[in-house]
Amino acid sequence: MPWKRMLAYITGSVNEDLLRRIEYLLEENRVLRNQLDRRLLLTDHERRTLAEKAVALGKLMADTVIREYLAHYHAERNHQGLENVIPFPDGRLVERDGAVVKAERLGGLLNFYYRHAA
């Protein structure tokens, strides 16, 4: 895949994610703003609308978590089989000299250490 098309794909995915988040927040804001003068009560339609938008956002985040975990699992984590060799090694693993650097995925839930090029 040429780099321009890949960049367009990534930016499009990010934009879609941001648009879904913004759409949810705008709808939630509208609902809450309409009820500021009294106790906050949601109608069935409002609850359903917010739930539909939250589910769509949740599925997108689940896809992101799964994609990040699989990338870590196949390319970064230490393996206990086949002579402790990573099946699809990350390009950063070839360096033998340099300072040890920590890379994080999923906000630090998954960590990976490698040597930074000297």
Protein backbone atom coordinates (compact mmCIF):
# COMPACT_ATOMS: atom_id res chain seq x y z
CA MET A 1 0.00 0.00 0.00
CA PRO A 2 1.57 3.33 -0.99
CA TRP A 3 2.30 5.65 1.93
CA LYS A 4 -0.12 8.36 0.72
CA ARG A 5 -3.05 5.96 0.61
CA MET A 6 -2.08 4.50 3.97
CA LEU A 7 -1.89 8.00 5.50
CA ALA A 8 -5.30 8.86 4.05
CA TYR A 9 -6.74 5.63 5.47
CA ILE A 10 -5.31 6.28 8.95
CA THR A 11 -6.49 9.90 9.01
CA GLY A 12 -9.91 8.83 7.78
CA SER A 13 -10.17 6.26 10.58
CA VAL A 14 -9.12 8.80 13.18
CA ASN A 15 -11.56 11.36 11.80
CA GLU A 16 -14.42 8.84 11.92
CA ASP A 17 -13.60 8.01 15.54
CA LEU A 18 -13.47 11.68 16.50
CA LEU A 19 -16.72 12.42 14.68
CA ARG A 20 -18.50 9.62 16.56
CA ARG A 21 -17.20 10.94 19.89
CA ILE A 22 -18.20 14.49 19.05
CA GLU A 23 -21.64 13.37 17.86
CA TYR A 24 -22.22 11.51 21.14
CA LEU A 25 -21.10 14.48 23.25
CA LEU A 26 -23.25 16.93 21.28
CA GLU A 27 -26.33 14.74 21.70
CA GLU A 28 -25.63 14.25 25.40
CA ASN A 29 -25.12 18.00 25.80
CA ARG A 30 -28.37 18.81 24.02
CA VAL A 31 -30.31 16.39 26.20
CA LEU A 32 -28.78 17.71 29.42
CA ARG A 33 -29.13 21.37 28.44
CA ASN A 34 -32.86 20.88 27.84
CA GLN A 35 -33.26 19.68 31.42
CA LEU A 36 -31.10 22.13 33.39
CA ASP A 37 -34.05 23.97 34.94
CA ARG A 38 -35.42 20.86 36.67
CA ARG A 39 -34.39 17.44 37.95
CA LEU A 40 -32.54 15.45 35.30
CA LEU A 41 -34.98 12.94 33.81
CA LEU A 42 -34.31 11.18 30.51
CA THR A 43 -37.10 10.00 28.27
CA ASP A 44 -36.96 6.54 26.74
CA HIS A 45 -36.10 8.07 23.37
CA GLU A 46 -33.20 10.08 24.90
CA ARG A 47 -31.87 7.02 26.73
CA ARG A 48 -32.10 4.95 23.55
CA THR A 49 -30.37 7.61 21.43
CA LEU A 50 -27.50 7.99 23.90
CA ALA A 51 -27.17 4.22 24.26
CA GLU A 52 -26.99 3.68 20.48
CA LYS A 53 -24.22 6.24 20.14
CA ALA A 54 -22.31 4.85 23.14
CA VAL A 55 -22.49 1.29 21.76
CA ALA A 56 -21.07 2.41 18.40
CA LEU A 57 -18.25 4.22 20.19
CA GLY A 58 -17.60 1.21 22.45
CA LYS A 59 -17.29 -1.15 19.49
CA LEU A 60 -14.75 1.15 17.88
CA MET A 61 -12.69 1.30 21.07
CA ALA A 62 -12.86 -2.50 21.43
CA ASP A 63 -11.50 -2.84 17.89
CA THR A 64 -8.63 -0.51 18.78
CA VAL A 65 -7.77 -2.48 21.92
CA ILE A 66 -7.82 -5.79 20.05
CA ARG A 67 -5.65 -4.43 17.23
CA GLU A 68 -3.09 -3.02 19.69
CA TYR A 69 -2.99 -6.23 21.73
CA LEU A 70 -2.47 -8.40 18.65
CA ALA A 71 0.34 -6.15 17.43
CA HIS A 72 2.01 -6.45 20.86
CA TYR A 73 1.39 -10.21 21.08
CA HIS A 74 2.88 -11.03 17.68
CA ALA A 75 5.72 -8.51 17.42
CA GLU A 76 6.84 -7.35 20.85
CA ARG A 77 6.24 -9.72 23.76
CA ASN A 78 8.71 -12.34 24.87
CA HIS A 79 7.80 -15.83 23.69
CA GLN A 80 8.33 -19.02 25.66
CA GLY A 81 8.33 -21.40 22.71
CA LEU A 82 10.58 -22.03 19.75
CA GLU A 83 13.83 -21.04 21.49
CA ASN A 84 12.25 -17.85 22.88
CA VAL A 85 12.21 -16.24 19.42
CA ILE A 86 9.54 -13.68 18.52
CA PRO A 87 7.72 -14.96 15.40
CA PHE A 88 7.21 -11.55 13.75
CA PRO A 89 9.82 -9.29 15.35
CA ASP A 90 9.50 -5.54 15.48
CA GLY A 91 12.18 -3.72 13.45
CA ARG A 92 13.55 -2.13 16.64
CA LEU A 93 14.77 -5.52 17.89
CA VAL A 94 17.80 -5.71 15.60
CA GLU A 95 19.75 -3.08 17.55
CA ARG A 96 22.26 -4.56 20.03
CA ASP A 97 23.83 -1.33 21.35
CA GLY A 98 22.27 1.74 22.91
CA ALA A 99 20.10 2.65 25.84
CA VAL A 100 17.11 0.52 26.77
CA VAL A 101 13.87 2.32 25.91
CA LYS A 102 10.35 1.51 27.08
CA ALA A 103 7.53 1.56 24.53
CA GLU A 104 3.90 1.54 25.69
CA ARG A 105 0.66 0.41 24.15
CA LEU A 106 -2.86 1.04 25.48
CA GLY A 107 -1.74 3.78 27.85
CA GLY A 108 0.91 1.67 29.55
CA LEU A 109 -1.10 -1.54 30.01
CA LEU A 110 1.26 -3.29 27.60
CA ASN A 111 4.97 -2.49 27.80
CA PHE A 112 7.83 -3.41 25.52
CA TYR A 113 11.53 -2.72 26.01
CA TYR A 114 14.09 -2.42 23.23
CA ARG A 115 17.49 -0.88 22.60
CA HIS A 116 17.49 2.56 21.03
CA ALA A 117 19.99 3.00 18.19
CA ALA A 118 23.23 4.49 19.49
